[in-house]
Amino acid sequence: MNVLIVFAHPNPHSFNQAILEVVDTTLREHGHATRIHDLYQMQFRAVMDSDDLARNWCGDLPEDTLQEQIALRWAQGLVFIYPIWWFGPPAILKGWIDRVFTRKFAFEFTATGGMRGLLTQERALIINTLGGDEALYQRERWHELLVRPMTDGILGACGVRNVIHRAFYEVPTVTHIERQAMLDEVRELATAF
């Protein structure tokens, strides 16, 4: 399977980077072809401006958007790796989605005003890191705020139905052994992909 890995963390020495390396290595070991789009390293322009919006509606997309859509067409599977900041992804990833998941590419409106997804990827894996405590997120129902916008609201609405989400909590404060256990689980997730 062709797998596009979308990575969004500005620190090349982060735990997210370690997750990326495990995912990429494991997927390749299991015969998948991978491409990594490190949005910070690419210096992807995340702000959708009025020119982008007008060009989207006319179907005259900027070159950087077209290149990302070509990568998405190549991919049969998607992996997203990013931290959760203020209950959402880093702005660069949200901007990537805003600029790349355009009408007539990722979705279209139906005659009745509904939305039909156009993405054809067989599956997606989302891996997040957080600083907070999992029990608190579960008790306050914050976990739903993390999962549903990306799994249902973006990927599901755009046609990707088989989405697995895994969040790793308390990443800045856990022990080296606990982080290694997290990476072992990442390896299992990538193996099952």
Protein backbone atom coordinates (compact mmCIF):
# COMPACT_ATOMS: atom_id res chain seq x y z
CA MET A 1 0.00 0.00 0.00
CA ASN A 2 1.14 3.57 -0.65
CA VAL A 3 1.04 5.50 2.64
CA LEU A 4 1.30 9.26 3.01
CA ILE A 5 2.53 10.26 6.47
CA VAL A 6 1.59 13.83 7.40
CA PHE A 7 3.78 15.01 10.28
CA ALA A 8 3.32 18.25 12.22
CA HIS A 9 5.78 19.00 15.01
CA PRO A 10 8.34 21.83 14.94
CA ASN A 11 10.99 20.10 17.09
CA PRO A 12 13.09 17.55 15.16
CA HIS A 13 14.11 15.98 18.50
CA SER A 14 10.56 15.56 19.84
CA PHE A 15 8.87 12.35 20.89
CA ASN A 16 6.63 12.88 17.86
CA GLN A 17 9.77 12.54 15.72
CA ALA A 18 10.52 9.22 17.40
CA ILE A 19 6.95 8.11 16.64
CA LEU A 20 7.41 9.16 13.01
CA GLU A 21 10.60 7.12 12.68
CA VAL A 22 8.97 4.01 14.17
CA VAL A 23 5.90 4.34 11.94
CA ASP A 24 7.90 4.89 8.76
CA THR A 25 10.38 2.06 9.47
CA THR A 26 7.65 -0.40 10.44
CA LEU A 27 5.48 0.36 7.42
CA ARG A 28 8.46 -0.09 5.08
CA GLU A 29 9.47 -3.34 6.81
CA HIS A 30 5.97 -4.63 6.05
CA GLY A 31 6.18 -3.81 2.35
CA HIS A 32 4.41 -0.45 2.23
CA ALA A 33 5.74 2.49 0.22
CA THR A 34 5.82 5.67 2.30
CA ARG A 35 6.16 9.38 1.73
CA ILE A 36 6.65 11.76 4.64
CA HIS A 37 5.29 15.27 4.43
CA ASP A 38 6.86 17.09 7.38
CA LEU A 39 4.82 20.29 7.25
CA TYR A 40 7.25 22.35 9.34
CA GLN A 41 10.29 21.17 7.40
CA MET A 42 8.43 21.92 4.16
CA GLN A 43 7.52 25.36 5.54
CA PHE A 44 4.03 24.71 4.27
CA ARG A 45 2.03 27.94 3.98
CA ALA A 46 -0.83 27.22 6.35
CA VAL A 47 -2.88 30.38 6.03
CA MET A 48 -5.75 30.22 3.58
CA ASP A 49 -6.06 33.76 2.29
CA SER A 50 -8.74 35.38 0.14
CA ASP A 51 -6.81 34.53 -3.03
CA ASP A 52 -6.73 30.83 -2.07
CA LEU A 53 -10.44 30.86 -1.34
CA ALA A 54 -11.33 32.50 -4.65
CA ARG A 55 -9.03 30.14 -6.57
CA ASN A 56 -10.56 27.11 -4.80
CA TRP A 57 -14.03 28.04 -5.98
CA CYS A 58 -12.76 28.58 -9.55
CA GLY A 59 -10.73 25.34 -9.57
CA ASP A 60 -7.47 27.25 -10.17
CA LEU A 61 -5.47 25.95 -7.22
CA PRO A 62 -2.02 27.20 -6.13
CA GLU A 63 0.92 24.95 -7.02
CA ASP A 64 1.65 23.92 -3.41
CA THR A 65 -1.97 22.80 -2.96
CA LEU A 66 -1.87 20.85 -6.22
CA GLN A 67 1.33 19.06 -5.16
CA GLU A 68 -0.25 17.97 -1.87
CA GLN A 69 -3.33 16.73 -3.71
CA ILE A 70 -1.10 14.70 -6.05
CA ALA A 71 0.47 13.09 -2.97
CA LEU A 72 -2.98 12.33 -1.57
CA ARG A 73 -4.07 10.73 -4.86
CA TRP A 74 -0.96 8.52 -4.72
CA ALA A 75 -1.77 7.37 -1.18
CA GLN A 76 -4.00 4.43 -0.38
CA GLY A 77 -3.51 5.00 3.34
CA LEU A 78 -2.91 8.05 5.51
CA VAL A 79 -1.04 8.51 8.78
CA PHE A 80 -1.22 11.74 10.79
CA ILE A 81 1.27 12.32 13.62
CA TYR A 82 0.93 15.47 15.68
CA PRO A 83 0.67 16.84 19.22
CA ILE A 84 -2.56 18.20 20.66
CA TRP A 85 -2.31 21.88 21.50
CA TRP A 86 -5.36 23.56 23.00
CA PHE A 87 -7.61 20.63 22.06
CA GLY A 88 -6.59 20.61 18.42
CA PRO A 89 -3.75 20.06 15.99
CA PRO A 90 -0.96 22.58 15.41
CA ALA A 91 -2.14 25.43 13.20
CA ILE A 92 0.08 24.27 10.34
CA LEU A 93 -1.85 21.00 10.07
CA LYS A 94 -5.25 22.71 10.27
CA GLY A 95 -4.06 25.10 7.56
CA TRP A 96 -2.86 22.17 5.44
CA ILE A 97 -6.33 20.64 5.67
CA ASP A 98 -8.01 23.97 4.90
CA ARG A 99 -5.87 24.51 1.80
CA VAL A 100 -5.61 20.91 0.52
CA PHE A 101 -8.99 19.29 1.29
CA THR A 102 -10.76 21.47 -1.25
CA ARG A 103 -14.23 21.21 -2.74
CA LYS A 104 -14.31 18.86 -5.76
CA PHE A 105 -11.15 17.15 -4.47
CA ALA A 106 -11.93 15.99 -0.92
CA PHE A 107 -15.67 16.61 -0.92
CA GLU A 108 -18.56 18.03 -2.87
CA PHE A 109 -21.95 19.39 -1.99
CA THR A 110 -24.98 17.36 -3.03
CA ALA A 111 -28.11 18.78 -4.70
CA THR A 112 -29.89 18.58 -1.34
CA GLY A 113 -27.20 20.60 0.46
CA GLY A 114 -25.47 17.63 2.02
CA MET A 115 -21.82 16.72 1.72
CA ARG A 116 -20.30 13.75 -0.10
CA GLY A 117 -16.73 12.64 0.57
CA LEU A 118 -14.44 12.12 -2.40
CA LEU A 119 -11.27 10.78 -0.76
CA THR A 120 -10.63 7.14 -1.60
CA GLN A 121 -8.02 6.12 0.97
CA GLU A 122 -8.71 2.69 2.46
CA ARG A 123 -7.68 3.66 5.98
CA ALA A 124 -6.07 6.25 8.19
CA LEU A 125 -4.15 6.20 11.44
CA ILE A 126 -3.97 9.24 13.73
CA ILE A 127 -1.36 9.35 16.50
CA ASN A 128 -1.41 12.21 18.99
CA THR A 129 0.71 13.18 21.96
CA LEU A 130 -0.53 15.18 24.93
CA GLY A 131 0.87 16.53 28.15
CA GLY A 132 -2.31 15.98 30.16
CA ASP A 133 -3.58 13.08 32.22
CA GLU A 134 -5.77 10.53 30.41
CA ALA A 135 -8.12 10.06 33.38
CA LEU A 136 -8.87 13.79 33.41
CA TYR A 137 -9.53 13.83 29.67
CA GLN A 138 -11.90 10.88 30.02
CA ARG A 139 -13.68 12.29 33.08
CA GLU A 140 -14.22 15.70 31.47
CA ARG A 141 -15.09 14.08 28.12
CA TRP A 142 -12.28 16.07 26.53
CA HIS A 143 -11.14 12.93 24.71
CA GLU A 144 -14.12 13.30 22.36
CA LEU A 145 -12.94 16.82 21.51
CA LEU A 146 -9.65 15.33 20.36
CA VAL A 147 -10.97 12.43 18.35
CA ARG A 148 -14.16 13.37 16.55
CA PRO A 149 -13.13 16.55 14.72
CA MET A 150 -10.41 14.71 12.78
CA THR A 151 -11.87 11.18 12.57
CA ASP A 152 -15.49 12.06 11.81
CA GLY A 153 -15.57 15.75 10.96
CA ILE A 154 -12.69 15.80 8.49
CA LEU A 155 -11.63 12.32 7.36
CA GLY A 156 -15.03 10.65 7.73
CA ALA A 157 -16.87 13.49 6.03
CA CYS A 158 -14.36 13.35 3.18
CA GLY A 159 -14.83 9.61 2.61
CA VAL A 160 -12.20 7.87 4.78
CA ARG A 161 -14.23 5.45 6.90
CA ASN A 162 -11.62 3.17 8.50
CA VAL A 163 -9.85 5.54 10.91
CA ILE A 164 -7.90 4.45 13.98
CA HIS A 165 -6.97 7.05 16.59
CA ARG A 166 -4.46 6.64 19.41
CA ALA A 167 -3.49 9.32 21.88
CA PHE A 168 -0.48 9.07 24.21
CA TYR A 169 -0.87 11.10 27.40
CA GLU A 170 1.57 12.74 29.82
CA VAL A 171 4.38 12.48 27.27
CA PRO A 172 6.58 15.23 28.84
CA THR A 173 6.53 13.60 32.27
CA VAL A 174 6.57 9.83 31.74
CA THR A 175 9.68 7.71 32.24
CA HIS A 176 11.95 6.46 29.49
CA ILE A 177 10.51 2.96 30.02
CA GLU A 178 6.96 4.29 29.60
CA ARG A 179 7.94 6.12 26.42
CA GLN A 180 9.51 2.92 25.08
CA ALA A 181 6.23 1.10 25.80
CA MET A 182 4.43 3.81 23.83
CA LEU A 183 6.78 3.31 20.89
CA ASP A 184 6.19 -0.44 21.09
CA GLU A 185 2.47 0.24 20.78
CA VAL A 186 3.14 2.57 17.83
CA ARG A 187 5.04 -0.29 16.18
CA GLU A 188 2.02 -2.58 16.70
CA LEU A 189 -0.33 0.02 15.21
CA ALA A 190 1.89 0.42 12.15
CA THR A 191 2.25 -3.35 11.79
CA ALA A 192 -1.54 -3.73 11.78
CA PHE A 193 -1.91 -0.99 9.18
